[in-house]
Amino acid sequence: TRKMVGGKSARHSQIVSIEGGKTIVTWDEDFINKNVVSSRIGLDVRSGNGGNLLKEFITPENLSVSFPVIKPVDDDEVLVAYTESIQDRDYIRYKIVGL
């Protein structure tokens, strides 16, 4: 069954599964923030049977972020690394996200 996790501008998705059957998807998507196009990183956690356990954006709305990469840390946490663009420079950032 096809399931949508992000908005219509979602792209650069990554998916991992962890012990216990959970599946975690991350992606970046654009949105309009005070007449400026910004981007954010989304995270969706599904149970082994496909039930939605968590869906949230893990970066603030005032950033320009893209290209998330996800890596399980353990059964309750994942590391999400991504690129943050500030003016003419790109930086690698990461977050440990609890499930």
N, C-alpha and C. Protein backbone atom coordinates (compact mmCIF):
# COMPACT_ATOMS: atom_id res chain seq x y z
N THR A 1 0.84 -1.18 0.00
CA THR A 1 0.00 0.00 0.00
C THR A 1 0.89 1.24 0.00
N ARG A 2 0.55 2.19 -0.84
CA ARG A 2 1.31 3.42 -0.93
C ARG A 2 0.84 4.39 0.14
N LYS A 3 1.78 4.94 0.90
CA LYS A 3 1.43 5.89 1.96
C LYS A 3 2.28 7.14 1.82
N MET A 4 1.65 8.30 1.92
CA MET A 4 2.37 9.56 1.82
C MET A 4 2.75 10.02 3.22
N VAL A 5 4.00 10.45 3.38
CA VAL A 5 4.45 10.94 4.69
C VAL A 5 4.74 12.43 4.68
N GLY A 6 5.03 13.03 3.53
CA GLY A 6 5.37 14.44 3.47
C GLY A 6 4.39 15.20 2.60
N GLY A 7 4.65 16.49 2.46
CA GLY A 7 3.83 17.33 1.61
C GLY A 7 4.19 17.16 0.15
N LYS A 8 3.52 17.94 -0.72
CA LYS A 8 3.75 17.76 -2.15
C LYS A 8 5.12 18.24 -2.61
N SER A 9 5.86 18.95 -1.76
CA SER A 9 7.22 19.36 -2.13
C SER A 9 8.28 18.49 -1.45
N ALA A 10 7.86 17.38 -0.85
CA ALA A 10 8.81 16.50 -0.15
C ALA A 10 9.79 15.86 -1.13
N ARG A 11 11.06 15.74 -0.70
CA ARG A 11 12.09 15.15 -1.54
C ARG A 11 13.24 14.64 -0.67
N HIS A 12 14.18 13.95 -1.29
CA HIS A 12 15.39 13.44 -0.63
C HIS A 12 15.07 12.55 0.57
N SER A 13 14.15 11.64 0.40
CA SER A 13 13.74 10.77 1.51
C SER A 13 14.78 9.70 1.81
N GLN A 14 14.82 9.32 3.07
CA GLN A 14 15.67 8.24 3.57
C GLN A 14 14.78 7.38 4.47
N ILE A 15 15.04 6.07 4.50
CA ILE A 15 14.23 5.17 5.31
C ILE A 15 15.12 4.13 5.98
N VAL A 16 14.81 3.82 7.24
CA VAL A 16 15.51 2.77 7.96
C VAL A 16 14.48 1.99 8.78
N SER A 17 14.82 0.76 9.13
CA SER A 17 14.01 0.00 10.07
C SER A 17 14.88 -0.36 11.25
N ILE A 18 14.23 -0.49 12.41
CA ILE A 18 14.97 -0.81 13.63
C ILE A 18 14.34 -2.02 14.30
N GLU A 19 15.03 -2.53 15.32
CA GLU A 19 14.52 -3.67 16.08
C GLU A 19 13.08 -3.41 16.51
N GLY A 20 12.29 -4.43 16.52
CA GLY A 20 10.90 -4.29 16.92
C GLY A 20 9.99 -3.94 15.76
N GLY A 21 10.55 -3.79 14.56
CA GLY A 21 9.74 -3.58 13.37
C GLY A 21 9.39 -2.15 13.03
N LYS A 22 9.85 -1.17 13.80
CA LYS A 22 9.55 0.22 13.46
C LYS A 22 10.28 0.63 12.18
N THR A 23 9.61 1.46 11.39
CA THR A 23 10.20 2.04 10.18
C THR A 23 10.22 3.55 10.36
N ILE A 24 11.36 4.17 10.07
CA ILE A 24 11.51 5.62 10.21
C ILE A 24 11.87 6.21 8.86
N VAL A 25 11.12 7.24 8.47
CA VAL A 25 11.35 7.95 7.20
C VAL A 25 11.68 9.40 7.53
N THR A 26 12.67 9.95 6.83
CA THR A 26 12.97 11.38 6.95
C THR A 26 13.04 11.97 5.56
N TRP A 27 12.77 13.25 5.43
CA TRP A 27 12.75 13.93 4.14
C TRP A 27 12.91 15.43 4.37
N ASP A 28 13.15 16.18 3.29
CA ASP A 28 13.08 17.64 3.40
C ASP A 28 11.98 18.13 2.49
N GLU A 29 11.41 19.28 2.84
CA GLU A 29 10.35 19.87 2.01
C GLU A 29 10.35 21.39 2.16
N ASP A 30 9.98 22.05 1.09
CA ASP A 30 9.86 23.51 1.08
C ASP A 30 8.48 23.93 1.59
N PHE A 31 8.42 25.14 2.12
CA PHE A 31 7.15 25.74 2.53
C PHE A 31 7.33 27.25 2.54
N ILE A 32 6.23 27.97 2.55
CA ILE A 32 6.27 29.43 2.57
C ILE A 32 6.22 29.90 4.02
N ASN A 33 7.20 30.73 4.41
CA ASN A 33 7.29 31.27 5.76
C ASN A 33 7.45 32.78 5.65
N LYS A 34 6.38 33.52 5.90
CA LYS A 34 6.39 34.99 5.80
C LYS A 34 6.88 35.44 4.43
N ASN A 35 6.28 34.91 3.37
CA ASN A 35 6.57 35.25 1.98
C ASN A 35 7.97 34.86 1.52
N VAL A 36 8.65 33.99 2.28
CA VAL A 36 9.98 33.49 1.92
C VAL A 36 9.90 31.97 1.86
N VAL A 37 10.51 31.39 0.83
CA VAL A 37 10.54 29.93 0.75
C VAL A 37 11.62 29.41 1.69
N SER A 38 11.22 28.58 2.63
CA SER A 38 12.14 27.94 3.57
C SER A 38 12.03 26.44 3.38
N SER A 39 12.87 25.69 4.06
CA SER A 39 12.79 24.23 4.01
C SER A 39 12.99 23.67 5.40
N ARG A 40 12.46 22.46 5.61
CA ARG A 40 12.55 21.83 6.92
C ARG A 40 12.69 20.32 6.74
N ILE A 41 13.09 19.66 7.81
CA ILE A 41 13.29 18.21 7.81
C ILE A 41 12.15 17.56 8.59
N GLY A 42 11.49 16.60 7.95
CA GLY A 42 10.41 15.86 8.58
C GLY A 42 10.85 14.47 9.01
N LEU A 43 10.16 13.92 9.99
CA LEU A 43 10.43 12.58 10.50
C LEU A 43 9.10 11.88 10.72
N ASP A 44 8.98 10.65 10.21
CA ASP A 44 7.76 9.86 10.36
C ASP A 44 8.16 8.48 10.89
N VAL A 45 7.52 8.06 11.98
CA VAL A 45 7.81 6.75 12.57
C VAL A 45 6.55 5.90 12.45
N ARG A 46 6.73 4.68 11.90
CA ARG A 46 5.62 3.74 11.73
C ARG A 46 5.90 2.46 12.51
N SER A 47 4.83 1.87 13.02
CA SER A 47 4.95 0.58 13.70
C SER A 47 5.13 -0.53 12.67
N GLY A 48 5.39 -1.72 13.14
CA GLY A 48 5.57 -2.86 12.25
C GLY A 48 4.38 -3.14 11.36
N ASN A 49 3.16 -2.78 11.82
CA ASN A 49 1.97 -2.99 11.00
C ASN A 49 1.56 -1.75 10.21
N GLY A 50 2.42 -0.72 10.20
CA GLY A 50 2.16 0.49 9.41
C GLY A 50 1.45 1.61 10.13
N GLY A 51 1.11 1.40 11.40
CA GLY A 51 0.44 2.46 12.16
C GLY A 51 1.36 3.64 12.41
N ASN A 52 0.80 4.85 12.37
CA ASN A 52 1.59 6.07 12.55
C ASN A 52 1.85 6.30 14.04
N LEU A 53 3.12 6.25 14.45
CA LEU A 53 3.49 6.47 15.84
C LEU A 53 3.92 7.90 16.12
N LEU A 54 4.53 8.55 15.13
CA LEU A 54 5.05 9.91 15.31
C LEU A 54 5.26 10.54 13.95
N LYS A 55 4.87 11.79 13.81
CA LYS A 55 5.18 12.57 12.61
C LYS A 55 5.42 13.99 13.07
N GLU A 56 6.65 14.50 12.79
CA GLU A 56 6.99 15.84 13.23
C GLU A 56 8.08 16.42 12.34
N PHE A 57 8.25 17.73 12.43
CA PHE A 57 9.37 18.39 11.78
C PHE A 57 10.41 18.63 12.86
N ILE A 58 11.65 18.26 12.56
CA ILE A 58 12.70 18.28 13.59
C ILE A 58 13.62 19.49 13.49
N THR A 59 13.37 20.36 12.52
CA THR A 59 14.15 21.60 12.39
C THR A 59 13.21 22.80 12.48
N PRO A 60 13.71 23.93 12.95
CA PRO A 60 12.88 25.13 13.05
C PRO A 60 12.47 25.65 11.67
N GLU A 61 11.42 26.45 11.64
CA GLU A 61 10.89 26.97 10.38
C GLU A 61 11.73 28.09 9.77
N ASN A 62 12.69 28.64 10.49
CA ASN A 62 13.46 29.77 9.98
C ASN A 62 14.78 29.35 9.33
N LEU A 63 14.95 28.06 9.02
CA LEU A 63 16.19 27.58 8.43
C LEU A 63 16.00 27.19 6.97
N SER A 64 17.12 27.02 6.29
CA SER A 64 17.13 26.44 4.95
C SER A 64 17.95 25.15 5.04
N VAL A 65 17.26 24.00 5.09
CA VAL A 65 17.90 22.71 5.32
C VAL A 65 17.51 21.72 4.24
N SER A 66 18.38 20.74 4.00
CA SER A 66 18.10 19.74 2.96
C SER A 66 18.95 18.50 3.16
N PHE A 67 18.70 17.50 2.32
CA PHE A 67 19.47 16.26 2.22
C PHE A 67 19.64 15.51 3.56
N PRO A 68 18.53 15.16 4.22
CA PRO A 68 18.67 14.42 5.47
C PRO A 68 19.18 13.00 5.24
N VAL A 69 19.95 12.52 6.20
CA VAL A 69 20.44 11.14 6.23
C VAL A 69 20.13 10.61 7.62
N ILE A 70 19.63 9.38 7.70
CA ILE A 70 19.20 8.84 8.99
C ILE A 70 19.96 7.57 9.32
N LYS A 71 20.30 7.43 10.63
CA LYS A 71 21.04 6.26 11.10
C LYS A 71 20.51 5.88 12.48
N PRO A 72 20.09 4.65 12.68
CA PRO A 72 19.64 4.26 14.02
C PRO A 72 20.79 4.31 15.02
N VAL A 73 20.50 4.79 16.22
CA VAL A 73 21.46 4.77 17.32
C VAL A 73 21.16 3.55 18.19
N ASP A 74 19.88 3.38 18.52
CA ASP A 74 19.40 2.20 19.24
C ASP A 74 17.90 2.07 18.97
N ASP A 75 17.18 1.29 19.77
CA ASP A 75 15.75 1.08 19.53
C ASP A 75 14.90 2.32 19.79
N ASP A 76 15.46 3.31 20.48
CA ASP A 76 14.68 4.49 20.87
C ASP A 76 15.20 5.81 20.31
N GLU A 77 16.29 5.79 19.54
CA GLU A 77 16.86 7.02 19.02
C GLU A 77 17.43 6.82 17.62
N VAL A 78 17.35 7.89 16.81
CA VAL A 78 18.03 7.91 15.51
C VAL A 78 18.84 9.20 15.41
N LEU A 79 19.90 9.14 14.64
CA LEU A 79 20.69 10.32 14.33
C LEU A 79 20.27 10.77 12.94
N VAL A 80 19.93 12.05 12.80
CA VAL A 80 19.58 12.62 11.50
C VAL A 80 20.59 13.73 11.21
N ALA A 81 21.37 13.55 10.15
CA ALA A 81 22.31 14.57 9.68
C ALA A 81 21.70 15.25 8.46
N TYR A 82 22.01 16.53 8.26
CA TYR A 82 21.45 17.28 7.14
C TYR A 82 22.33 18.48 6.82
N THR A 83 22.08 19.09 5.69
CA THR A 83 22.81 20.29 5.27
C THR A 83 21.99 21.52 5.62
N GLU A 84 22.62 22.49 6.26
CA GLU A 84 21.99 23.79 6.52
C GLU A 84 22.73 24.84 5.71
N SER A 85 21.99 25.60 4.92
CA SER A 85 22.56 26.66 4.10
C SER A 85 22.36 28.00 4.80
N ILE A 86 23.48 28.71 5.01
CA ILE A 86 23.44 30.04 5.62
C ILE A 86 24.20 30.97 4.68
N GLN A 87 23.46 31.90 4.10
CA GLN A 87 24.00 32.79 3.08
C GLN A 87 24.65 31.96 1.98
N ASP A 88 25.93 32.10 1.73
CA ASP A 88 26.58 31.38 0.64
C ASP A 88 27.36 30.15 1.11
N ARG A 89 27.09 29.68 2.33
CA ARG A 89 27.86 28.54 2.87
C ARG A 89 26.91 27.42 3.30
N ASP A 90 27.39 26.20 3.16
CA ASP A 90 26.65 25.03 3.62
C ASP A 90 27.37 24.40 4.80
N TYR A 91 26.59 23.95 5.79
CA TYR A 91 27.12 23.33 7.00
C TYR A 91 26.42 22.00 7.23
N ILE A 92 27.15 21.04 7.75
CA ILE A 92 26.55 19.77 8.14
C ILE A 92 26.13 19.87 9.60
N ARG A 93 24.87 19.59 9.85
CA ARG A 93 24.32 19.60 11.21
C ARG A 93 23.77 18.22 11.50
N TYR A 94 23.53 17.92 12.76
CA TYR A 94 22.87 16.66 13.11
C TYR A 94 22.07 16.81 14.38
N LYS A 95 21.12 15.90 14.56
CA LYS A 95 20.30 15.84 15.76
C LYS A 95 20.12 14.38 16.14
N ILE A 96 20.09 14.12 17.42
CA ILE A 96 19.67 12.83 17.94
C ILE A 96 18.18 13.00 18.27
N VAL A 97 17.36 12.14 17.68
CA VAL A 97 15.91 12.26 17.85
C VAL A 97 15.39 11.04 18.58
N GLY A 98 14.68 11.28 19.69
CA GLY A 98 14.05 10.19 20.43
C GLY A 98 12.77 9.75 19.75
N LEU A 99 12.54 8.46 19.77
CA LEU A 99 11.33 7.91 19.13
C LEU A 99 10.28 7.69 20.16
